[in-house]
């Protein structure tokens, strides 16, 4: 894609996310999923990685996605329509890796997420969010393996980049690239974002639109 096309796509993404965005529904199981009428981009990440804050930043809303200090609060797939008519859907998947969770809750999370990843034709890409202060954890790599096995292409997204020094962020970025190269479904493009400063948000919007329209 040339520079002119890049700029045009970025402007389309800006306008799309500046337009209508609304919550569609929550799905506690596959039988509650909406019809596959729009391309979907799924968000995955450890509890408290900043998923809700990133969704709010991407859509220029303060309360589109609920933020919570209680790990494991969201145990459903939450769907958000972007554009009118709908151009794409954002899917907030349940957070993973919360400590001391009941085993039945962990099993339900695994079944719900795994079934969605493997059986959803509308799913175009996933975003795996990683806290810049901590880097990839074993639970993140487990999520990456689930995506590899389901053959779902995904980007790694470093969140809360404003919370670490630039030198540490640069080292983490390079280490994350090395890690991503070990996974078949990991996209080589990695994003560094901050929901507070807005850094990297425009670039991620563009990548989302590009994946949804590919």
Protein backbone atom coordinates (compact mmCIF):
# COMPACT_ATOMS: atom_id res chain seq x y z
CA UNK A 1 0.00 0.00 0.00
CA UNK A 2 1.45 3.41 -1.00
CA UNK A 3 1.54 6.58 1.09
CA UNK A 4 -1.58 8.04 -0.52
CA UNK A 5 -3.55 4.84 0.08
CA UNK A 6 -2.22 4.68 3.66
CA UNK A 7 -3.42 8.23 4.33
CA UNK A 8 -6.79 7.54 2.75
CA UNK A 9 -7.29 4.42 4.87
CA UNK A 10 -6.26 6.30 8.02
CA UNK A 11 -8.78 9.04 7.26
CA UNK A 12 -11.53 6.50 6.60
CA UNK A 13 -10.72 4.86 9.94
CA UNK A 14 -10.79 8.21 11.75
CA UNK A 15 -14.19 9.08 10.29
CA UNK A 16 -15.59 5.61 10.97
CA UNK A 17 -14.68 5.61 14.65
CA UNK A 18 -15.82 9.23 15.02
CA UNK A 19 -19.28 8.20 13.84
CA UNK A 20 -21.96 6.04 15.44
CA UNK A 21 -20.71 3.31 17.79
CA UNK A 22 -23.04 1.46 20.11
CA UNK A 23 -23.28 -1.60 22.28
CA UNK A 24 -25.15 -4.40 20.49
CA UNK A 25 -25.39 -7.30 22.95
CA UNK A 26 -23.66 -9.63 25.40
CA UNK A 27 -23.37 -13.32 24.57
CA UNK A 28 -22.79 -15.78 27.43
CA UNK A 29 -22.82 -18.67 24.92
CA UNK A 30 -22.63 -19.37 21.20
CA UNK A 31 -26.40 -19.57 20.88
CA UNK A 32 -26.56 -15.89 21.87
CA UNK A 33 -24.16 -14.63 19.18
CA UNK A 34 -25.48 -12.02 16.75
CA UNK A 35 -25.83 -12.90 13.08
CA UNK A 36 -22.56 -12.76 11.15
CA UNK A 37 -23.58 -9.67 9.20
CA UNK A 38 -20.40 -7.62 9.75
CA UNK A 39 -16.67 -8.36 10.04
CA UNK A 40 -15.53 -8.77 13.65
CA UNK A 41 -12.33 -7.76 15.44
CA UNK A 42 -11.90 -9.43 18.83
CA UNK A 43 -10.03 -8.02 21.83
CA UNK A 44 -8.27 -10.43 24.20
CA UNK A 45 -6.14 -9.76 27.24
CA UNK A 46 -5.41 -10.47 30.87
CA UNK A 47 -7.78 -8.99 33.40
CA UNK A 48 -6.98 -5.31 34.03
CA UNK A 49 -4.74 -5.06 30.96
CA UNK A 50 -6.74 -2.01 29.86
CA UNK A 51 -9.14 -3.57 27.35
CA UNK A 52 -12.11 -1.40 28.27
CA UNK A 53 -10.00 1.75 28.34
CA UNK A 54 -8.58 0.95 24.90
CA UNK A 55 -12.05 0.33 23.46
CA UNK A 56 -13.20 3.66 24.88
CA UNK A 57 -10.15 5.44 23.44
CA UNK A 58 -10.58 3.88 19.99
CA UNK A 59 -14.20 4.98 19.82
CA UNK A 60 -13.72 8.41 21.47
CA UNK A 61 -16.19 7.45 24.19
CA UNK A 62 -15.85 7.53 27.94
CA UNK A 63 -18.32 4.82 28.84
CA UNK A 64 -18.77 2.54 25.84
CA UNK A 65 -17.00 -0.32 27.60
CA UNK A 66 -17.18 -0.56 31.37
CA UNK A 67 -13.90 -0.44 33.23
CA UNK A 68 -13.51 -2.35 36.45
CA UNK A 69 -10.91 -2.92 39.13
CA UNK A 70 -12.41 -6.33 39.76
CA UNK A 71 -10.53 -8.97 37.73
CA UNK A 72 -12.71 -11.42 35.87
CA UNK A 73 -15.80 -9.23 35.96
CA UNK A 74 -16.60 -9.68 32.27
CA UNK A 75 -17.47 -13.30 31.48
CA UNK A 76 -19.39 -12.78 28.27
CA UNK A 77 -18.60 -11.78 24.70
CA UNK A 78 -19.64 -8.14 24.32
CA UNK A 79 -20.38 -6.87 20.79
CA UNK A 80 -20.16 -3.24 19.66
CA UNK A 81 -21.37 -2.02 16.26
CA UNK A 82 -19.20 0.56 14.49
CA UNK A 83 -20.70 2.69 11.73
CA UNK A 84 -24.22 3.16 10.40
CA UNK A 85 -24.94 1.04 8.49
CA UNK A 86 -22.63 -1.25 10.45
CA UNK A 87 -19.14 -1.50 8.91
CA UNK A 88 -17.54 -3.71 11.55
CA UNK A 89 -18.00 -5.09 15.06
CA UNK A 90 -15.64 -4.94 18.01
CA UNK A 91 -15.84 -7.96 20.30
CA UNK A 92 -14.69 -7.61 23.90
CA UNK A 93 -13.75 -11.12 25.04
CA UNK A 94 -13.63 -12.09 28.74
CA UNK A 95 -10.37 -11.27 30.47
CA UNK A 96 -8.14 -14.18 31.39
CA UNK A 97 -5.50 -14.99 33.96
CA UNK A 98 -7.31 -13.65 37.01
CA UNK A 99 -5.94 -15.09 40.21
CA UNK A 100 -7.76 -17.63 42.36
CA UNK A 101 -10.67 -17.99 39.95
CA UNK A 102 -12.98 -20.96 40.51
CA UNK A 103 -12.12 -23.79 38.14
CA UNK A 104 -15.63 -23.94 36.71
CA UNK A 105 -15.30 -20.26 35.76
CA UNK A 106 -11.99 -20.95 34.03
CA UNK A 107 -13.52 -23.88 32.15
CA UNK A 108 -16.48 -21.77 31.03
CA UNK A 109 -14.12 -19.05 29.84
CA UNK A 110 -12.05 -21.54 27.85
CA UNK A 111 -15.05 -23.19 26.24
CA UNK A 112 -16.73 -19.90 25.33
CA UNK A 113 -13.60 -18.29 23.87
CA UNK A 114 -12.33 -21.40 22.13
CA UNK A 115 -15.71 -22.15 20.54
CA UNK A 116 -16.04 -18.55 19.37
CA UNK A 117 -12.53 -18.46 17.87
CA UNK A 118 -12.93 -21.75 16.04
CA UNK A 119 -16.43 -21.33 14.75
CA UNK A 120 -16.90 -17.67 13.84
CA UNK A 121 -16.61 -16.98 10.12
CA UNK A 122 -17.07 -13.23 10.64
CA UNK A 123 -13.96 -13.00 12.84
CA UNK A 124 -11.25 -11.28 10.77
CA UNK A 125 -8.58 -10.61 13.37
CA UNK A 126 -7.89 -10.62 17.10
CA UNK A 127 -5.91 -8.16 19.18
CA UNK A 128 -3.99 -9.59 22.13
CA UNK A 129 -3.38 -6.81 24.64
CA UNK A 130 -0.20 -6.90 26.72
CA UNK A 131 0.54 -4.57 29.64
CA UNK A 132 3.74 -2.65 28.82
CA UNK A 133 4.74 -2.71 32.50
CA UNK A 134 4.85 -6.51 32.59
CA UNK A 135 5.32 -7.84 29.04
CA UNK A 136 4.11 -11.20 27.81
CA UNK A 137 3.10 -13.67 30.53
CA UNK A 138 2.49 -17.41 30.25
CA UNK A 139 -1.27 -16.81 30.13
CA UNK A 140 -0.76 -14.47 27.15
CA UNK A 141 1.25 -17.14 25.35
CA UNK A 142 -1.53 -19.62 26.10
CA UNK A 143 -3.98 -17.23 24.44
CA UNK A 144 -1.63 -16.91 21.49
CA UNK A 145 -1.51 -20.69 21.14
CA UNK A 146 -5.31 -20.83 21.17
CA UNK A 147 -5.35 -18.33 18.33
CA UNK A 148 -2.65 -20.25 16.47
CA UNK A 149 -4.65 -23.47 16.80
CA UNK A 150 -7.83 -21.72 15.65
CA UNK A 151 -5.94 -20.17 12.69
CA UNK A 152 -7.07 -16.66 13.70
CA UNK A 153 -4.60 -13.94 12.72
CA UNK A 154 -3.80 -11.53 15.56
CA UNK A 155 -1.83 -8.42 16.46
CA UNK A 156 -0.04 -7.98 19.77
CA UNK A 157 -0.89 -4.60 21.29
CA UNK A 158 1.23 -3.11 24.07
CA UNK A 159 -1.03 -1.06 26.38
CA UNK A 160 -0.28 1.58 29.02
CA UNK A 161 2.89 2.65 27.21
CA UNK A 162 2.88 5.95 29.12
CA UNK A 163 3.57 4.01 32.33
CA UNK A 164 7.09 2.91 31.37
CA UNK A 165 10.27 4.70 30.32
CA UNK A 166 10.96 4.94 26.57
CA UNK A 167 14.10 2.80 26.85
CA UNK A 168 12.22 0.02 28.66
CA UNK A 169 9.36 0.28 26.17
CA UNK A 170 11.77 -0.05 23.26
CA UNK A 171 13.37 -3.15 24.76
CA UNK A 172 9.94 -4.66 25.40
CA UNK A 173 8.87 -3.92 21.83
CA UNK A 174 11.91 -5.74 20.43
CA UNK A 175 11.41 -8.70 22.76
CA UNK A 176 7.74 -8.90 21.78
CA UNK A 177 8.67 -9.02 18.10
CA UNK A 178 10.91 -12.00 18.81
CA UNK A 179 8.13 -13.74 20.73
CA UNK A 180 5.56 -13.07 18.00
CA UNK A 181 7.80 -14.62 15.36
CA UNK A 182 7.45 -17.97 17.14
CA UNK A 183 3.68 -18.06 16.54
CA UNK A 184 2.14 -18.98 13.21
CA UNK A 185 -0.92 -16.73 13.44
CA UNK A 186 0.82 -13.67 14.95
CA UNK A 187 0.87 -10.70 12.60
CA UNK A 188 4.31 -9.06 12.33
CA UNK A 189 2.87 -5.59 13.03
CA UNK A 190 2.90 -4.82 16.76
CA UNK A 191 1.24 -1.73 18.20
CA UNK A 192 2.24 0.40 21.18
CA UNK A 193 -0.65 2.33 22.70
CA UNK A 194 -1.72 4.54 25.57
CA UNK A 195 -5.40 5.13 26.26
CA UNK A 196 -4.48 8.12 28.43
CA UNK A 197 -2.26 10.02 25.96
CA UNK A 198 -3.79 8.68 22.76
CA UNK A 199 -0.46 7.39 21.50
CA UNK A 200 -0.84 4.67 18.85
CA UNK A 201 -4.66 4.89 18.83
CA UNK A 202 -4.97 6.27 15.28
CA UNK A 203 -2.61 3.61 13.94
CA UNK A 204 -4.59 0.84 15.63
CA UNK A 205 -7.87 2.20 14.25
CA UNK A 206 -6.37 2.01 10.76
CA UNK A 207 -5.16 -1.55 11.29
CA UNK A 208 -8.62 -2.58 12.51
CA UNK A 209 -10.31 -1.16 9.43
CA UNK A 210 -7.70 -2.72 7.15
CA UNK A 211 -8.23 -6.15 8.72
CA UNK A 212 -12.02 -5.82 8.58
CA UNK A 213 -12.04 -4.91 4.89
CA UNK A 214 -9.30 -7.26 3.68
